[in-house]
Amino acid sequence: MAGPAPAVAAARVAVRAALADLPAGALVLVACSGGADSLALAAATAFVAPRAGLRAGAVVVDHGLAPGSDDVAARAAATCAGLGLEPVEVRAVDVGTEGGPEAAARTARYSALAEAADAHGAAAVLLGHTLDDQAETVLLGLGRGSGARSLAGMAPVTGRWRRPFLALRRRDTEACCTALGQEWVTDVTNAPDGPWRRADGGPLRRSAVRHDVMPALEAALGPGVAQALARTARLLREDDDYLTRAAADLAARAGLGEDGEVDLDVAELAAEHPALRGRVLHLAATAAGCPPGALAAVHVAALDALVTHYHGQGALDLPGAVTAVRRCGRLNLSPPRSARGQ
């Protein structure tokens, strides 16, 4: 008897590996949009989970950004139910504007998935990101001048979020759906000429990278660019994991506690490598109340100057109304007054 098609087998192997550490009886939820990536993930999970002693359901997030999105969501949910996934639910969200359309949609989506996972007591939520998505993420980070943390891309496991398909190509998920007779939808809002645009009227950044930049790189450098970018992400993630642990140790030695006010030993920080010191200063600023999304490299550099190039400069104002000042060999970061009184 012939086995499954190669793409189907690859998807099942990937899901099996991603679920291997979960206890028997645990519930996993598949985030399914109706696209090829998430449908292939739903099908593979429906096959693997019961054989591994696990329960599997699905959540479909309706962003409401295109006409007929509710119908697309309903069809995706019906497909998931037809695969044997249970529970299956559709969650409609209101997408805001903060951070731009892509970031706002991502925030709304993850919030809805987290709420569903909490409501059902899910041990994990499976996301359909592929190697192609990983390569695009690295390129977007490069374009923003990001550090290793962003260039490391998406991790296979981050808390409850799991990404089984990071080693598979988008064409593999499409081949999987084709082999299984599953019809997928293409999100028109992600097309370069689609109806959903940036505030300046240009195409969405990830869409532009996907449809314009990646093909241009493949044409200029030859095949294998996506795999090379994903490999870069993996190598940088290993470096980032090591530096993160080392920075946590340095932060503890310098006196970073868990209460609101941050008071660090300047000599302890100054003696260490800038790569570690910068991470600790970032940790300290966020611990004091700086919003992570508003804390930029220029702020961390200004904090570092208080440590390594101090010449009597006064207090430093940071995002979130946090104030940093050096006195008596200590670097003090004070949270906003409203936070201090709580």
C-alpha atoms as a PDB file:
ATOM      1  CA  MET A   1       0.000   0.000   0.000  1.00  0.00           C
ATOM      2  CA  ALA A   2       1.411   3.351  -1.056  1.00  0.00           C
ATOM      3  CA  GLY A   3       2.205   5.847   1.665  1.00  0.00           C
ATOM      4  CA  PRO A   4       1.202   9.511   1.753  1.00  0.00           C
ATOM      5  CA  ALA A   5       2.544  12.013  -0.745  1.00  0.00           C
ATOM      6  CA  PRO A   6       6.013  13.351   0.199  1.00  0.00           C
ATOM      7  CA  ALA A   7       4.653  16.782   1.137  1.00  0.00           C
ATOM      8  CA  VAL A   8       1.965  15.225   3.334  1.00  0.00           C
ATOM      9  CA  ALA A   9       4.534  13.005   5.034  1.00  0.00           C
ATOM     10  CA  ALA A  10       6.877  15.961   5.620  1.00  0.00           C
ATOM     11  CA  ALA A  11       4.068  17.988   7.207  1.00  0.00           C
ATOM     12  CA  ARG A  12       3.117  15.127   9.513  1.00  0.00           C
ATOM     13  CA  VAL A  13       6.721  14.518  10.557  1.00  0.00           C
ATOM     14  CA  ALA A  14       7.130  18.214  11.368  1.00  0.00           C
ATOM     15  CA  VAL A  15       3.969  18.300  13.485  1.00  0.00           C
ATOM     16  CA  ARG A  16       4.870  15.065  15.264  1.00  0.00           C
ATOM     17  CA  ALA A  17       8.228  16.511  16.289  1.00  0.00           C
ATOM     18  CA  ALA A  18       6.620  19.755  17.464  1.00  0.00           C
ATOM     19  CA  LEU A  19       4.154  17.920  19.721  1.00  0.00           C
ATOM     20  CA  ALA A  20       6.489  15.252  21.070  1.00  0.00           C
ATOM     21  CA  ASP A  21       6.950  16.808  24.531  1.00  0.00           C
ATOM     22  CA  LEU A  22       3.270  17.383  25.326  1.00  0.00           C
ATOM     23  CA  PRO A  23       1.577  15.162  27.911  1.00  0.00           C
ATOM     24  CA  ALA A  24      -1.125  12.725  26.892  1.00  0.00           C
ATOM     25  CA  GLY A  25      -4.555  14.290  26.755  1.00  0.00           C
ATOM     26  CA  ALA A  26      -3.264  17.841  26.208  1.00  0.00           C
ATOM     27  CA  LEU A  27      -5.190  20.080  23.825  1.00  0.00           C
ATOM     28  CA  VAL A  28      -3.464  21.824  20.933  1.00  0.00           C
ATOM     29  CA  LEU A  29      -5.133  24.477  18.802  1.00  0.00           C
ATOM     30  CA  VAL A  30      -4.276  25.185  15.182  1.00  0.00           C
ATOM     31  CA  ALA A  31      -4.465  28.807  14.056  1.00  0.00           C
ATOM     32  CA  CYS A  32      -6.147  28.407  10.677  1.00  0.00           C
ATOM     33  CA  SER A  33      -6.815  31.193   8.185  1.00  0.00           C
ATOM     34  CA  GLY A  34      -7.872  29.022   5.253  1.00  0.00           C
ATOM     35  CA  GLY A  35      -4.552  29.595   3.471  1.00  0.00           C
ATOM     36  CA  ALA A  36      -2.380  26.723   2.281  1.00  0.00           C
ATOM     37  CA  ASP A  37       0.062  26.932   5.199  1.00  0.00           C
ATOM     38  CA  SER A  38      -2.535  26.736   7.939  1.00  0.00           C
ATOM     39  CA  LEU A  39      -4.748  24.207   6.134  1.00  0.00           C
ATOM     40  CA  ALA A  40      -1.773  21.885   5.688  1.00  0.00           C
ATOM     41  CA  LEU A  41      -1.005  22.375   9.367  1.00  0.00           C
ATOM     42  CA  ALA A  42      -4.605  21.620  10.340  1.00  0.00           C
ATOM     43  CA  ALA A  43      -4.649  18.449   8.249  1.00  0.00           C
ATOM     44  CA  ALA A  44      -1.316  17.217   9.602  1.00  0.00           C
ATOM     45  CA  THR A  45      -2.357  17.956  13.191  1.00  0.00           C
ATOM     46  CA  ALA A  46      -5.692  16.190  12.747  1.00  0.00           C
ATOM     47  CA  PHE A  47      -3.766  13.102  11.647  1.00  0.00           C
ATOM     48  CA  VAL A  48      -0.906  13.218  14.181  1.00  0.00           C
ATOM     49  CA  ALA A  49      -2.548  14.429  17.397  1.00  0.00           C
ATOM     50  CA  PRO A  50      -4.935  11.526  18.109  1.00  0.00           C
ATOM     51  CA  ARG A  51      -2.185   9.024  17.312  1.00  0.00           C
ATOM     52  CA  ALA A  52      -0.007  10.781  19.891  1.00  0.00           C
ATOM     53  CA  GLY A  53      -2.736  10.720  22.518  1.00  0.00           C
ATOM     54  CA  LEU A  54      -3.492  14.420  22.149  1.00  0.00           C
ATOM     55  CA  ARG A  55      -6.636  16.438  21.469  1.00  0.00           C
ATOM     56  CA  ALA A  56      -6.640  18.957  18.634  1.00  0.00           C
ATOM     57  CA  GLY A  57      -8.883  21.867  17.747  1.00  0.00           C
ATOM     58  CA  ALA A  58      -8.681  25.014  15.656  1.00  0.00           C
ATOM     59  CA  VAL A  59      -9.232  28.748  15.904  1.00  0.00           C
ATOM     60  CA  VAL A  60     -10.022  30.877  12.866  1.00  0.00           C
ATOM     61  CA  VAL A  61      -9.472  34.606  13.292  1.00  0.00           C
ATOM     62  CA  ASP A  62     -11.647  36.841  11.125  1.00  0.00           C
ATOM     63  CA  HIS A  63      -9.856  40.182  10.786  1.00  0.00           C
ATOM     64  CA  GLY A  64     -12.772  41.711   8.902  1.00  0.00           C
ATOM     65  CA  LEU A  65     -10.405  43.525   6.544  1.00  0.00           C
ATOM     66  CA  ALA A  66     -11.817  42.354   3.224  1.00  0.00           C
ATOM     67  CA  PRO A  67     -15.361  41.884   1.941  1.00  0.00           C
ATOM     68  CA  GLY A  68     -16.560  38.346   2.567  1.00  0.00           C
ATOM     69  CA  SER A  69     -13.974  37.644   5.260  1.00  0.00           C
ATOM     70  CA  ASP A  70     -16.686  36.113   7.445  1.00  0.00           C
ATOM     71  CA  ASP A  71     -17.514  33.617   4.686  1.00  0.00           C
ATOM     72  CA  VAL A  72     -13.827  32.722   4.292  1.00  0.00           C
ATOM     73  CA  ALA A  73     -13.558  32.203   8.048  1.00  0.00           C
ATOM     74  CA  ALA A  74     -16.698  30.045   8.112  1.00  0.00           C
ATOM     75  CA  ARG A  75     -15.348  27.851   5.288  1.00  0.00           C
ATOM     76  CA  ALA A  76     -12.014  27.464   7.033  1.00  0.00           C
ATOM     77  CA  ALA A  77     -13.788  26.453  10.232  1.00  0.00           C
ATOM     78  CA  ALA A  78     -15.944  23.945   8.362  1.00  0.00           C
ATOM     79  CA  THR A  79     -12.853  22.436   6.772  1.00  0.00           C
ATOM     80  CA  CYS A  80     -11.178  22.090  10.156  1.00  0.00           C
ATOM     81  CA  ALA A  81     -14.267  20.440  11.608  1.00  0.00           C
ATOM     82  CA  GLY A  82     -14.389  18.108   8.611  1.00  0.00           C
ATOM     83  CA  LEU A  83     -10.825  17.055   9.383  1.00  0.00           C
ATOM     84  CA  GLY A  84     -11.987  15.968  12.824  1.00  0.00           C
ATOM     85  CA  LEU A  85     -10.648  18.905  14.830  1.00  0.00           C
ATOM     86  CA  GLU A  86     -12.642  19.758  17.956  1.00  0.00           C
ATOM     87  CA  PRO A  87     -13.269  22.371  19.267  1.00  0.00           C
ATOM     88  CA  VAL A  88     -13.342  24.687  16.256  1.00  0.00           C
ATOM     89  CA  GLU A  89     -14.309  28.322  16.637  1.00  0.00           C
ATOM     90  CA  VAL A  90     -14.234  31.579  14.703  1.00  0.00           C
ATOM     91  CA  ARG A  91     -13.142  34.708  16.526  1.00  0.00           C
ATOM     92  CA  ALA A  92     -13.876  38.071  14.906  1.00  0.00           C
ATOM     93  CA  VAL A  93     -11.541  40.910  15.859  1.00  0.00           C
ATOM     94  CA  ASP A  94     -11.407  44.662  15.442  1.00  0.00           C
ATOM     95  CA  VAL A  95      -8.058  45.604  13.921  1.00  0.00           C
ATOM     96  CA  GLY A  96      -6.739  48.931  15.120  1.00  0.00           C
ATOM     97  CA  THR A  97      -4.156  51.198  13.532  1.00  0.00           C
ATOM     98  CA  GLU A  98      -1.304  51.337  16.033  1.00  0.00           C
ATOM     99  CA  GLY A  99       2.036  50.416  14.461  1.00  0.00           C
ATOM    100  CA  GLY A 100       0.617  50.235  10.940  1.00  0.00           C
ATOM    101  CA  PRO A 101      -1.817  47.773   9.345  1.00  0.00           C
ATOM    102  CA  GLU A 102       0.415  44.688   9.519  1.00  0.00           C
ATOM    103  CA  ALA A 103       1.376  45.185  13.165  1.00  0.00           C
ATOM    104  CA  ALA A 104      -2.193  46.024  14.171  1.00  0.00           C
ATOM    105  CA  ALA A 105      -3.556  42.887  12.510  1.00  0.00           C
ATOM    106  CA  ARG A 106      -0.851  40.755  14.116  1.00  0.00           C
ATOM    107  CA  THR A 107      -1.610  42.193  17.552  1.00  0.00           C
ATOM    108  CA  ALA A 108      -5.335  41.533  17.177  1.00  0.00           C
ATOM    109  CA  ARG A 109      -4.724  38.010  15.858  1.00  0.00           C
ATOM    110  CA  TYR A 110      -2.372  36.940  18.642  1.00  0.00           C
ATOM    111  CA  SER A 111      -4.664  38.419  21.258  1.00  0.00           C
ATOM    112  CA  ALA A 112      -7.622  36.424  19.904  1.00  0.00           C
ATOM    113  CA  LEU A 113      -5.572  33.226  19.748  1.00  0.00           C
ATOM    114  CA  ALA A 114      -4.333  33.713  23.311  1.00  0.00           C
ATOM    115  CA  GLU A 115      -7.881  34.282  24.568  1.00  0.00           C
ATOM    116  CA  ALA A 116      -9.056  31.127  22.804  1.00  0.00           C
ATOM    117  CA  ALA A 117      -6.172  29.114  24.250  1.00  0.00           C
ATOM    118  CA  ASP A 118      -6.999  30.367  27.729  1.00  0.00           C
ATOM    119  CA  ALA A 119     -10.696  29.645  27.309  1.00  0.00           C
ATOM    120  CA  HIS A 120     -10.095  26.053  26.208  1.00  0.00           C
ATOM    121  CA  GLY A 121      -7.087  25.339  28.395  1.00  0.00           C
ATOM    122  CA  ALA A 122      -4.854  24.617  25.393  1.00  0.00           C
ATOM    123  CA  ALA A 123      -1.269  23.561  26.036  1.00  0.00           C
ATOM    124  CA  ALA A 124      -0.065  24.920  22.704  1.00  0.00           C
ATOM    125  CA  VAL A 125      -1.154  26.960  19.699  1.00  0.00           C
ATOM    126  CA  LEU A 126       0.275  25.869  16.353  1.00  0.00           C
ATOM    127  CA  LEU A 127       1.119  28.536  13.773  1.00  0.00           C
ATOM    128  CA  GLY A 128       1.676  27.864  10.078  1.00  0.00           C
ATOM    129  CA  HIS A 129       4.774  29.998   9.471  1.00  0.00           C
ATOM    130  CA  THR A 130       7.089  28.480   6.884  1.00  0.00           C
ATOM    131  CA  LEU A 131      10.732  28.820   5.910  1.00  0.00           C
ATOM    132  CA  ASP A 132       9.651  31.477   3.411  1.00  0.00           C
ATOM    133  CA  ASP A 133       8.034  33.499   6.198  1.00  0.00           C
ATOM    134  CA  GLN A 134      11.232  33.164   8.199  1.00  0.00           C
ATOM    135  CA  ALA A 135      13.352  34.447   5.306  1.00  0.00           C
ATOM    136  CA  GLU A 136      11.020  37.422   4.857  1.00  0.00           C
ATOM    137  CA  THR A 137      11.241  38.193   8.565  1.00  0.00           C
ATOM    138  CA  VAL A 138      15.052  38.284   8.405  1.00  0.00           C
ATOM    139  CA  LEU A 139      14.987  40.624   5.410  1.00  0.00           C
ATOM    140  CA  LEU A 140      12.512  42.934   7.127  1.00  0.00           C
ATOM    141  CA  GLY A 141      14.814  43.038  10.152  1.00  0.00           C
ATOM    142  CA  LEU A 142      17.803  43.842   7.975  1.00  0.00           C
ATOM    143  CA  GLY A 143      15.878  46.672   6.361  1.00  0.00           C
ATOM    144  CA  ARG A 144      15.138  48.162   9.762  1.00  0.00           C
ATOM    145  CA  GLY A 145      18.747  47.867  10.923  1.00  0.00           C
ATOM    146  CA  SER A 146      17.746  45.454  13.681  1.00  0.00           C
ATOM    147  CA  GLY A 147      20.047  43.566  16.022  1.00  0.00           C
ATOM    148  CA  ALA A 148      20.542  39.845  16.465  1.00  0.00           C
ATOM    149  CA  ARG A 149      17.308  39.387  18.404  1.00  0.00           C
ATOM    150  CA  SER A 150      15.168  40.513  15.461  1.00  0.00           C
ATOM    151  CA  LEU A 151      17.369  38.925  12.809  1.00  0.00           C
ATOM    152  CA  ALA A 152      17.033  35.605  14.640  1.00  0.00           C
ATOM    153  CA  GLY A 153      13.504  35.556  13.259  1.00  0.00           C
ATOM    154  CA  MET A 154      10.754  33.374  14.667  1.00  0.00           C
ATOM    155  CA  ALA A 155      11.593  30.647  17.147  1.00  0.00           C
ATOM    156  CA  PRO A 156      10.101  27.154  16.695  1.00  0.00           C
ATOM    157  CA  VAL A 157       8.737  27.408  20.243  1.00  0.00           C
ATOM    158  CA  THR A 158       7.951  30.587  22.176  1.00  0.00           C
ATOM    159  CA  GLY A 159       5.867  29.870  25.236  1.00  0.00           C
ATOM    160  CA  ARG A 160       2.605  28.362  24.027  1.00  0.00           C
ATOM    161  CA  TRP A 161       3.285  29.319  20.384  1.00  0.00           C
ATOM    162  CA  ARG A 162       4.734  26.543  18.194  1.00  0.00           C
ATOM    163  CA  ARG A 163       5.774  26.743  14.555  1.00  0.00           C
ATOM    164  CA  PRO A 164       6.201  23.216  13.154  1.00  0.00           C
ATOM    165  CA  PHE A 165       6.691  24.301   9.521  1.00  0.00           C
ATOM    166  CA  LEU A 166       9.746  26.576   9.783  1.00  0.00           C
ATOM    167  CA  ALA A 167      11.793  24.024   7.803  1.00  0.00           C
ATOM    168  CA  LEU A 168       9.130  23.632   5.077  1.00  0.00           C
ATOM    169  CA  ARG A 169       8.666  25.843   2.035  1.00  0.00           C
ATOM    170  CA  ARG A 170       5.409  27.506   1.094  1.00  0.00           C
ATOM    171  CA  ARG A 171       5.315  25.322  -2.000  1.00  0.00           C
ATOM    172  CA  ASP A 172       5.435  22.262   0.283  1.00  0.00           C
ATOM    173  CA  THR A 173       2.268  23.301   2.105  1.00  0.00           C
ATOM    174  CA  GLU A 174       0.532  23.942  -1.201  1.00  0.00           C
ATOM    175  CA  ALA A 175       1.615  20.493  -2.435  1.00  0.00           C
ATOM    176  CA  CYS A 176       0.290  18.998   0.803  1.00  0.00           C
ATOM    177  CA  CYS A 177      -3.112  20.614   0.318  1.00  0.00           C
ATOM    178  CA  THR A 178      -3.229  19.539  -3.321  1.00  0.00           C
ATOM    179  CA  ALA A 179      -2.415  15.940  -2.406  1.00  0.00           C
ATOM    180  CA  LEU A 180      -5.178  15.924   0.207  1.00  0.00           C
ATOM    181  CA  GLY A 181      -7.720  17.652  -2.032  1.00  0.00           C
ATOM    182  CA  GLN A 182      -7.930  20.708   0.211  1.00  0.00           C
ATOM    183  CA  GLU A 183      -8.743  24.009  -1.507  1.00  0.00           C
ATOM    184  CA  TRP A 184      -7.050  27.001   0.043  1.00  0.00           C
ATOM    185  CA  VAL A 185      -7.725  30.717  -0.214  1.00  0.00           C
ATOM    186  CA  THR A 186      -5.246  33.454  -1.024  1.00  0.00           C
ATOM    187  CA  ASP A 187      -5.432  36.519   1.196  1.00  0.00           C
ATOM    188  CA  VAL A 188      -6.017  39.401  -1.215  1.00  0.00           C
ATOM    189  CA  THR A 189      -5.105  41.963   1.445  1.00  0.00           C
ATOM    190  CA  ASN A 190      -1.487  40.743   1.265  1.00  0.00           C
ATOM    191  CA  ALA A 191      -1.147  41.181  -2.493  1.00  0.00           C
ATOM    192  CA  PRO A 192       1.137  44.037  -3.671  1.00  0.00           C
ATOM    193  CA  ASP A 193      -1.788  45.614  -5.509  1.00  0.00           C
ATOM    194  CA  GLY A 194      -4.382  44.521  -2.969  1.00  0.00           C
ATOM    195  CA  PRO A 195      -6.958  46.748  -1.273  1.00  0.00           C
ATOM    196  CA  TRP A 196      -5.072  46.993   2.033  1.00  0.00           C
ATOM    197  CA  ARG A 197      -2.250  49.530   1.813  1.00  0.00           C
ATOM    198  CA  ARG A 198       0.156  51.409   4.053  1.00  0.00           C
ATOM    199  CA  ALA A 199      -0.756  54.905   5.205  1.00  0.00           C
ATOM    200  CA  ASP A 200       1.416  56.356   2.416  1.00  0.00           C
ATOM    201  CA  GLY A 201      -0.402  54.275  -0.197  1.00  0.00           C
ATOM    202  CA  GLY A 202       2.483  51.861  -0.767  1.00  0.00           C
ATOM    203  CA  PRO A 203       2.257  48.072  -0.600  1.00  0.00           C
ATOM    204  CA  LEU A 204       2.555  46.296   2.723  1.00  0.00           C
ATOM    205  CA  ARG A 205       6.194  45.729   3.630  1.00  0.00           C
ATOM    206  CA  ARG A 206       6.028  41.955   3.953  1.00  0.00           C
ATOM    207  CA  SER A 207       4.028  41.724   0.743  1.00  0.00           C
ATOM    208  CA  ALA A 208       6.651  43.803  -1.080  1.00  0.00           C
ATOM    209  CA  VAL A 209       9.432  41.587   0.282  1.00  0.00           C
ATOM    210  CA  ARG A 210       7.556  38.447  -0.732  1.00  0.00           C
ATOM    211  CA  HIS A 211       6.564  39.470  -4.234  1.00  0.00           C
ATOM    212  CA  ASP A 212       9.371  41.832  -5.242  1.00  0.00           C
ATOM    213  CA  VAL A 213      12.483  41.503  -3.087  1.00  0.00           C
ATOM    214  CA  MET A 214      12.766  37.725  -2.760  1.00  0.00           C
ATOM    215  CA  PRO A 215      12.364  37.049  -6.508  1.00  0.00           C
ATOM    216  CA  ALA A 216      14.943  39.776  -7.242  1.00  0.00           C
ATOM    217  CA  LEU A 217      17.407  38.200  -4.810  1.00  0.00           C
ATOM    218  CA  GLU A 218      16.851  34.754  -6.311  1.00  0.00           C
ATOM    219  CA  ALA A 219      17.438  36.193  -9.777  1.00  0.00           C
ATOM    220  CA  ALA A 220      20.628  37.978  -8.714  1.00  0.00           C
ATOM    221  CA  LEU A 221      22.132  35.372  -6.364  1.00  0.00           C
ATOM    222  CA  GLY A 222      20.645  32.137  -7.612  1.00  0.00           C
ATOM    223  CA  PRO A 223      18.409  29.632  -5.846  1.00  0.00           C
ATOM    224  CA  GLY A 224      18.758  28.964  -2.129  1.00  0.00           C
ATOM    225  CA  VAL A 225      18.396  32.531  -0.828  1.00  0.00           C
ATOM    226  CA  ALA A 226      15.417  31.689   1.376  1.00  0.00           C
ATOM    227  CA  GLN A 227      17.214  28.689   2.881  1.00  0.00           C
ATOM    228  CA  ALA A 228      20.325  30.792   3.508  1.00  0.00           C
ATOM    229  CA  LEU A 229      18.318  33.504   5.271  1.00  0.00           C
ATOM    230  CA  ALA A 230      16.543  30.924   7.424  1.00  0.00           C
ATOM    231  CA  ARG A 231      19.922  29.382   8.285  1.00  0.00           C
ATOM    232  CA  THR A 232      21.177  32.828   9.299  1.00  0.00           C
ATOM    233  CA  ALA A 233      18.165  33.168  11.600  1.00  0.00           C
ATOM    234  CA  ARG A 234      18.909  29.819  13.237  1.00  0.00           C
ATOM    235  CA  LEU A 235      22.578  30.667  13.824  1.00  0.00           C
ATOM    236  CA  LEU A 236      21.735  34.084  15.220  1.00  0.00           C
ATOM    237  CA  ARG A 237      19.088  32.569  17.473  1.00  0.00           C
ATOM    238  CA  GLU A 238      21.727  30.326  19.039  1.00  0.00           C
ATOM    239  CA  ASP A 239      23.958  33.355  19.629  1.00  0.00           C
ATOM    240  CA  ASP A 240      21.032  35.350  20.977  1.00  0.00           C
ATOM    241  CA  ASP A 241      20.061  32.584  23.405  1.00  0.00           C
ATOM    242  CA  TYR A 242      23.592  32.526  24.805  1.00  0.00           C
ATOM    243  CA  LEU A 243      23.823  36.313  25.098  1.00  0.00           C
ATOM    244  CA  THR A 244      20.401  36.493  26.712  1.00  0.00           C
ATOM    245  CA  ARG A 245      21.454  34.081  29.454  1.00  0.00           C
ATOM    246  CA  ALA A 246      24.766  35.913  29.952  1.00  0.00           C
ATOM    247  CA  ALA A 247      22.953  39.253  30.130  1.00  0.00           C
ATOM    248  CA  ALA A 248      20.570  37.893  32.770  1.00  0.00           C
ATOM    249  CA  ASP A 249      23.569  36.878  34.892  1.00  0.00           C
ATOM    250  CA  LEU A 250      25.168  40.310  34.483  1.00  0.00           C
ATOM    251  CA  ALA A 251      21.882  42.037  35.330  1.00  0.00           C
ATOM    252  CA  ALA A 252      21.647  40.086  38.574  1.00  0.00           C
ATOM    253  CA  ARG A 253      25.249  40.945  39.516  1.00  0.00           C
ATOM    254  CA  ALA A 254      24.633  44.610  38.748  1.00  0.00           C
ATOM    255  CA  GLY A 255      21.609  44.664  41.028  1.00  0.00           C
ATOM    256  CA  LEU A 256      18.610  44.476  38.717  1.00  0.00           C
ATOM    257  CA  GLY A 257      15.714  43.298  40.840  1.00  0.00           C
ATOM    258  CA  GLU A 258      12.063  42.735  40.065  1.00  0.00           C
ATOM    259  CA  ASP A 259      10.571  45.804  41.736  1.00  0.00           C
ATOM    260  CA  GLY A 260       9.739  49.000  39.886  1.00  0.00           C
ATOM    261  CA  GLU A 261      12.807  51.078  40.692  1.00  0.00           C
ATOM    262  CA  VAL A 262      16.094  50.075  39.045  1.00  0.00           C
ATOM    263  CA  ASP A 263      19.435  50.822  40.655  1.00  0.00           C
ATOM    264  CA  LEU A 264      22.534  49.346  38.982  1.00  0.00           C
ATOM    265  CA  ASP A 265      26.211  49.140  39.863  1.00  0.00           C
ATOM    266  CA  VAL A 266      28.001  51.210  37.191  1.00  0.00           C
ATOM    267  CA  ALA A 267      31.409  49.564  37.737  1.00  0.00           C
ATOM    268  CA  GLU A 268      29.907  46.099  37.225  1.00  0.00           C
ATOM    269  CA  LEU A 269      28.367  47.205  33.925  1.00  0.00           C
ATOM    270  CA  ALA A 270      31.367  49.170  32.666  1.00  0.00           C
ATOM    271  CA  ALA A 271      33.665  46.154  33.004  1.00  0.00           C
ATOM    272  CA  GLU A 272      31.631  44.021  30.600  1.00  0.00           C
ATOM    273  CA  HIS A 273      31.408  43.765  26.814  1.00  0.00           C
ATOM    274  CA  PRO A 274      29.113  46.331  25.122  1.00  0.00           C
ATOM    275  CA  ALA A 275      26.970  43.516  23.695  1.00  0.00           C
ATOM    276  CA  LEU A 276      26.073  42.339  27.205  1.00  0.00           C
ATOM    277  CA  ARG A 277      25.896  45.810  28.698  1.00  0.00           C
ATOM    278  CA  GLY A 278      23.441  46.994  26.050  1.00  0.00           C
ATOM    279  CA  ARG A 279      21.148  44.053  26.715  1.00  0.00           C
ATOM    280  CA  VAL A 280      21.197  44.704  30.452  1.00  0.00           C
ATOM    281  CA  LEU A 281      20.434  48.391  29.919  1.00  0.00           C
ATOM    282  CA  HIS A 282      17.516  47.435  27.679  1.00  0.00           C
ATOM    283  CA  LEU A 283      16.256  45.054  30.363  1.00  0.00           C
ATOM    284  CA  ALA A 284      16.653  47.751  33.009  1.00  0.00           C
ATOM    285  CA  ALA A 285      14.755  50.336  30.972  1.00  0.00           C
ATOM    286  CA  THR A 286      11.818  48.019  30.321  1.00  0.00           C
ATOM    287  CA  ALA A 287      11.805  46.916  33.968  1.00  0.00           C
ATOM    288  CA  ALA A 288      11.530  50.574  34.962  1.00  0.00           C
ATOM    289  CA  GLY A 289       8.519  51.087  32.699  1.00  0.00           C
ATOM    290  CA  CYS A 290       9.765  51.945  29.191  1.00  0.00           C
ATOM    291  CA  PRO A 291       7.422  50.455  26.553  1.00  0.00           C
ATOM    292  CA  PRO A 292       9.562  47.908  24.629  1.00  0.00           C
ATOM    293  CA  GLY A 293       8.208  49.072  21.278  1.00  0.00           C
ATOM    294  CA  ALA A 294       9.200  52.682  21.982  1.00  0.00           C
ATOM    295  CA  LEU A 295      12.668  51.897  23.334  1.00  0.00           C
ATOM    296  CA  ALA A 296      15.120  52.430  20.467  1.00  0.00           C
ATOM    297  CA  ALA A 297      18.849  51.920  20.015  1.00  0.00           C
ATOM    298  CA  VAL A 298      19.419  55.632  20.550  1.00  0.00           C
ATOM    299  CA  HIS A 299      17.941  55.377  24.051  1.00  0.00           C
ATOM    300  CA  VAL A 300      20.121  52.412  24.972  1.00  0.00           C
ATOM    301  CA  ALA A 301      23.163  54.269  23.598  1.00  0.00           C
ATOM    302  CA  ALA A 302      22.345  57.270  25.788  1.00  0.00           C
ATOM    303  CA  LEU A 303      22.097  55.004  28.828  1.00  0.00           C
ATOM    304  CA  ASP A 304      25.413  53.410  27.906  1.00  0.00           C
ATOM    305  CA  ALA A 305      27.006  56.872  27.789  1.00  0.00           C
ATOM    306  CA  LEU A 306      25.972  57.371  31.419  1.00  0.00           C
ATOM    307  CA  VAL A 307      27.940  54.213  32.224  1.00  0.00           C
ATOM    308  CA  THR A 308      31.040  54.496  30.033  1.00  0.00           C
ATOM    309  CA  HIS A 309      31.360  58.187  29.101  1.00  0.00           C
ATOM    310  CA  TYR A 310      30.081  59.998  32.149  1.00  0.00           C
ATOM    311  CA  HIS A 311      31.118  63.642  32.438  1.00  0.00           C
ATOM    312  CA  GLY A 312      28.494  64.980  34.779  1.00  0.00           C
ATOM    313  CA  GLN A 313      25.555  64.934  32.364  1.00  0.00           C
ATOM    314  CA  GLY A 314      22.156  65.306  33.943  1.00  0.00           C
ATOM    315  CA  ALA A 315      19.069  63.137  33.991  1.00  0.00           C
ATOM    316  CA  LEU A 316      18.044  61.291  30.852  1.00  0.00           C
ATOM    317  CA  ASP A 317      14.401  61.173  29.786  1.00  0.00           C
ATOM    318  CA  LEU A 318      13.301  57.834  28.325  1.00  0.00           C
ATOM    319  CA  PRO A 319      10.058  56.632  26.713  1.00  0.00           C
ATOM    320  CA  GLY A 320       7.217  55.995  29.118  1.00  0.00           C
ATOM    321  CA  ALA A 321       8.204  58.950  31.331  1.00  0.00           C
ATOM    322  CA  VAL A 322      11.082  56.940  32.807  1.00  0.00           C
ATOM    323  CA  THR A 323      14.036  58.971  34.114  1.00  0.00           C
ATOM    324  CA  ALA A 324      17.643  57.739  34.279  1.00  0.00           C
ATOM    325  CA  VAL A 325      20.342  59.421  36.336  1.00  0.00           C
ATOM    326  CA  ARG A 326      23.814  58.465  37.501  1.00  0.00           C
ATOM    327  CA  ARG A 327      24.862  59.283  41.044  1.00  0.00           C
ATOM    328  CA  CYS A 328      27.411  57.862  43.483  1.00  0.00           C
ATOM    329  CA  GLY A 329      28.491  55.077  41.132  1.00  0.00           C
ATOM    330  CA  ARG A 330      24.931  53.863  40.568  1.00  0.00           C
ATOM    331  CA  LEU A 331      22.642  54.128  37.565  1.00  0.00           C
ATOM    332  CA  ASN A 332      19.103  54.764  38.720  1.00  0.00           C
ATOM    333  CA  LEU A 333      16.078  54.395  36.457  1.00  0.00           C
ATOM    334  CA  SER A 334      12.902  55.690  38.026  1.00  0.00           C
ATOM    335  CA  PRO A 335       9.456  54.730  36.772  1.00  0.00           C
ATOM    336  CA  PRO A 336       6.758  57.357  36.144  1.00  0.00           C
ATOM    337  CA  ARG A 337       5.432  58.986  39.319  1.00  0.00           C
ATOM    338  CA  SER A 338       2.025  57.366  38.812  1.00  0.00           C
ATOM    339  CA  ALA A 339       3.650  53.920  38.830  1.00  0.00           C
ATOM    340  CA  ARG A 340       5.701  54.700  41.948  1.00  0.00           C
ATOM    341  CA  GLY A 341       2.601  55.393  43.977  1.00  0.00           C
ATOM    342  CA  GLN A 342       0.957  52.039  43.201  1.00  0.00           C
END
